[in-house]
Protein backbone atom coordinates (compact mmCIF):
# COMPACT_ATOMS: atom_id res chain seq x y z
CA MET A 1 -8.39 8.06 37.64
CA LYS A 2 -8.70 5.78 34.61
CA LYS A 3 -11.96 7.43 33.60
CA HIS A 4 -10.39 10.89 33.80
CA LEU A 5 -7.42 9.68 31.75
CA LEU A 6 -9.73 8.17 29.15
CA THR A 7 -11.77 11.38 28.92
CA PHE A 8 -8.60 13.43 28.47
CA ILE A 9 -7.34 11.14 25.70
CA ILE A 10 -10.69 11.25 23.87
CA VAL A 11 -10.69 15.06 23.97
CA CYS A 12 -7.10 15.13 22.67
CA CYS A 13 -7.97 12.75 19.85
CA SER A 14 -10.98 14.88 18.94
CA CYS A 15 -8.76 17.94 18.64
CA ILE A 16 -6.10 16.14 16.61
CA THR A 17 -8.56 14.44 14.27
CA HIS A 18 -11.06 17.26 13.72
CA ALA A 19 -10.76 16.70 9.98
CA GLN A 20 -12.32 13.79 8.15
CA THR A 21 -10.04 10.77 8.40
CA LYS A 22 -10.13 7.30 6.85
CA THR A 23 -7.81 4.63 8.17
CA PHE A 24 -6.94 1.58 6.10
CA THR A 25 -5.20 -1.72 6.80
CA ALA A 26 -3.65 -3.79 4.01
CA ASP A 27 -3.73 -7.48 3.18
CA LYS A 28 -2.08 -9.34 0.32
CA ALA A 29 -3.91 -12.16 -1.47
CA GLY A 30 -1.95 -13.55 -4.38
CA ARG A 31 -1.33 -10.75 -6.89
CA VAL A 32 -3.81 -8.35 -5.25
CA THR A 33 -3.21 -5.92 -2.38
CA GLN A 34 -6.40 -4.87 -0.64
CA PHE A 35 -6.75 -1.82 1.61
CA THR A 36 -9.82 -1.80 3.85
CA SER A 37 -11.39 0.92 5.98
CA LYS A 38 -14.76 0.96 7.73
CA SER A 39 -16.44 2.36 4.60
CA ASP A 40 -14.18 1.56 1.64
CA THR A 41 -12.29 -1.25 -0.01
CA ILE A 42 -9.50 -0.36 -2.46
CA SER A 43 -7.80 -3.21 -4.31
CA PHE A 44 -4.63 -3.08 -6.42
CA SER A 45 -3.49 -5.75 -8.85
CA ASP A 46 0.25 -6.09 -9.41
CA TYR A 47 1.76 -4.14 -12.30
CA VAL A 48 2.02 -6.05 -15.57
CA ALA A 49 4.31 -4.95 -18.41
CA THR A 50 2.31 -4.34 -21.61
CA MET A 51 5.02 -2.75 -23.77
CA PRO A 52 8.69 -1.81 -23.26
CA GLY A 53 8.73 0.95 -20.67
CA ILE A 54 4.97 0.69 -20.02
CA SER A 55 3.20 -1.27 -17.27
CA GLU A 56 -0.30 -1.15 -15.87
CA ARG A 57 -2.36 -2.28 -12.94
CA PHE A 58 -6.10 -2.36 -12.26
CA VAL A 59 -7.47 -0.60 -9.21
CA PHE A 60 -10.93 -1.15 -7.76
CA VAL A 61 -12.43 1.47 -5.45
CA ASN A 62 -15.47 -0.28 -4.04
CA ASP A 63 -17.42 -1.07 -7.26
CA ASP A 64 -15.55 1.33 -9.57
CA GLN A 65 -12.65 0.18 -11.74
CA TYR A 66 -9.63 2.28 -12.76
CA LYS A 67 -6.42 1.57 -14.64
CA PHE A 68 -3.07 3.00 -13.54
CA VAL A 69 -0.58 3.09 -16.41
CA LYS A 70 3.09 3.73 -15.61
CA ILE A 71 5.14 5.13 -18.50
CA GLU A 72 8.89 5.11 -17.96
CA ASN A 73 10.40 5.84 -21.35
CA THR A 74 13.27 8.14 -22.32
CA GLY A 75 12.15 11.63 -21.32
CA THR A 76 8.80 10.44 -19.94
CA HIS A 77 8.21 9.24 -16.40
CA VAL A 78 4.54 9.59 -15.52
CA GLN A 79 1.64 7.62 -14.20
CA GLU A 80 -1.69 8.06 -15.99
CA ILE A 81 -5.02 7.08 -14.48
CA PHE A 82 -8.00 6.05 -16.61
CA ASP A 83 -11.61 5.31 -15.70
CA ASN A 84 -13.50 2.22 -16.87
CA SER A 85 -14.52 4.02 -20.10
CA GLY A 86 -10.91 4.74 -21.03
CA ASN A 87 -10.99 8.45 -20.15
CA LYS A 88 -7.77 9.84 -18.67
CA ILE A 89 -8.75 11.50 -15.43
CA ALA A 90 -5.42 12.19 -13.72
CA THR A 91 -1.65 12.21 -14.22
CA ILE A 92 1.07 11.77 -11.59
CA SER A 93 4.65 12.82 -12.29
CA LEU A 94 7.23 10.23 -11.26
CA THR A 95 10.32 12.46 -11.50
CA GLY A 96 11.39 16.10 -11.42
CA SER A 97 10.36 19.03 -9.25
CA GLY A 98 6.70 18.04 -9.46
CA GLN A 99 7.30 14.42 -8.48
CA ASN A 100 4.21 12.73 -6.99
CA ASN A 101 1.97 15.72 -7.79
CA ILE A 102 -1.54 14.66 -8.86
CA ARG A 103 -2.94 16.61 -11.81
CA PHE A 104 -6.59 16.03 -12.66
CA ALA A 105 -8.16 16.37 -16.11
CA ASP A 106 -10.17 19.41 -14.97
CA GLY A 107 -6.92 21.29 -14.22
CA MET A 108 -6.83 20.84 -10.44
CA GLU A 109 -3.41 19.93 -9.06
CA LEU A 110 -2.52 18.50 -5.67
CA LYS A 111 1.15 19.20 -4.95
CA PHE A 112 3.02 16.56 -2.98
CA LEU A 113 5.03 17.52 0.11
CA SER A 114 7.02 15.10 2.26
CA THR A 115 6.61 16.21 5.88
CA GLY A 116 8.23 13.38 7.82
CA LYS A 117 9.60 9.85 7.67
CA THR A 118 6.07 8.43 7.74
CA THR A 119 4.02 11.48 6.77
CA TRP A 120 3.26 13.52 3.69
CA SER A 121 0.75 16.13 2.54
CA TYR A 122 -0.93 17.52 -0.57
CA ILE A 123 -1.16 21.24 -1.22
CA LYS A 124 -3.84 22.98 -3.28
CA ASP A 125 -3.60 26.70 -4.06
CA GLY A 126 -0.89 27.08 -1.42
CA LYS A 127 -2.95 25.43 1.34
CA GLU A 128 -2.56 22.00 2.89
CA VAL A 129 -5.73 20.09 2.00
CA ILE A 130 -4.82 16.45 2.67
CA LYS A 131 -2.51 14.73 5.14
CA ALA A 132 -1.39 11.13 4.79
CA PHE A 133 0.60 8.98 7.16
CA TYR A 134 1.08 5.47 8.45
CA TYR A 135 1.75 4.07 11.90
CA LEU A 136 2.05 0.75 13.67
CA LEU A 137 -0.63 -0.38 16.10
CA GLU A 138 -0.83 -3.90 17.51
CA GLU A 139 2.01 -4.92 15.15
CA LYS A 140 -0.04 -3.99 12.08
CA LYS A 141 0.57 -1.02 9.81
CA HIS A 142 -2.33 1.44 9.48
CA TYR A 143 -2.57 3.96 6.65
CA ALA A 144 -4.48 7.17 7.30
CA VAL A 145 -5.82 9.74 4.84
CA GLN A 146 -7.00 12.96 6.48
CA TRP A 147 -8.98 15.59 4.58
CA GLU A 148 -8.54 19.19 5.68
CA ASP A 149 -10.69 20.19 2.67
CA THR A 150 -13.72 17.89 2.62
CA THR A 151 -14.86 19.18 -0.78
CA LEU A 152 -12.19 16.94 -2.36
CA THR A 153 -14.40 13.90 -2.82
CA SER A 154 -12.80 12.13 -5.79
CA PRO A 155 -12.36 8.40 -5.00
CA LEU A 156 -9.06 8.62 -6.85
CA ILE A 157 -7.48 10.64 -4.07
CA PRO A 158 -7.25 7.85 -1.47
CA ALA A 159 -6.47 5.36 -4.24
CA ALA A 160 -3.53 7.45 -5.50
CA ILE A 161 -2.28 8.03 -1.95
CA LEU A 162 -2.39 4.33 -1.08
CA GLU A 163 -0.78 3.42 -4.41
CA TYR A 164 2.10 5.69 -3.45
CA THR A 165 2.65 3.68 -0.26
CA LEU A 166 2.99 0.49 -2.29
CA ALA A 167 6.05 1.89 -4.07
CA GLY A 168 7.94 2.07 -0.77
CA LYS A 169 9.98 5.08 -1.90
CA HIS A 170 8.95 7.67 0.65
CA LYS A 171 11.85 10.03 1.46
CA TYR A 172 12.19 12.87 3.92
CA ARG A 173 15.38 14.94 3.97
CA ASN A 174 14.40 17.77 6.31
CA LYS A 175 15.24 16.91 9.93
CA LYS A 176 12.96 19.64 11.28
CA LYS A 177 10.08 18.27 13.30
CA THR A 178 6.63 19.10 11.98
CA GLY A 179 3.12 19.25 13.31
CA ALA A 180 2.26 16.26 11.17
CA ILE A 181 4.83 14.09 12.95
CA ILE A 182 3.56 15.20 16.34
CA ALA A 183 -0.02 14.49 15.28
CA VAL A 184 0.85 10.98 14.11
CA VAL A 185 2.67 10.16 17.35
CA GLY A 186 -0.17 11.66 19.36
CA ILE A 187 -2.89 9.73 17.57
CA SER A 188 -1.17 6.34 17.65
CA ALA A 189 -0.10 6.73 21.27
CA ALA A 190 -3.53 7.94 22.34
CA LEU A 191 -5.27 5.05 20.57
CA ALA A 192 -2.98 2.56 22.25
CA VAL A 193 -3.56 4.08 25.70
CA MET A 194 -7.32 4.23 25.08
CA ARG A 195 -7.33 0.54 24.19
CA MET A 196 -5.40 -0.39 27.33
CA ALA A 197 -7.65 1.77 29.52
CA LEU A 198 -10.79 0.20 28.08
CA GLU A 199 -9.42 -3.31 28.57
CA ASP A 200 -8.47 -2.48 32.15
CA ASP A 201 -11.96 -1.15 32.88
CA SER A 202 -13.58 -4.24 31.36
CA ASP A 203 -11.67 -6.43 33.82
CA LEU A 204 -13.21 -4.67 36.80
């Protein structure tokens, strides 16, 4: 019975997670927050004020360094992202109708959409291309980034998504249940049941 249950759960997880997914856990060491997945390490320093209304933090994606600059002056509330050579490669709006949208220097824009209390998505050309969510498993928060469009390979995408989670300002006003919420519940529950089933089998 356990084997049949485990097979069923694995099939369900395969259907839910058909897209490419990276799952990160976070640890804080001094003034640095580090997110780690099986293949990537993304580290964020704390923001430091450099001028009135301007603060910045350094972000390392594996061996690449970026700088996130937050500008919160009168009439300007944006976050600008620079590479190690000082080139601006993306801008994120912090207020207004386009809040949390990611606009890249090449003109591509990923539009932010809150889909649940712990879930959100990014839309490109009217199509959902990235899902992001977090869930608790074994009393530790896990952060997942799921690509529906695997051609979006910029390392800034997971960095910007995880940086958003650090702000702790996620809001969801629509009470309507969404597929994203169901998927999150399904994944976390299935993983937990899989773990218990495997532990039970190992005791035999």
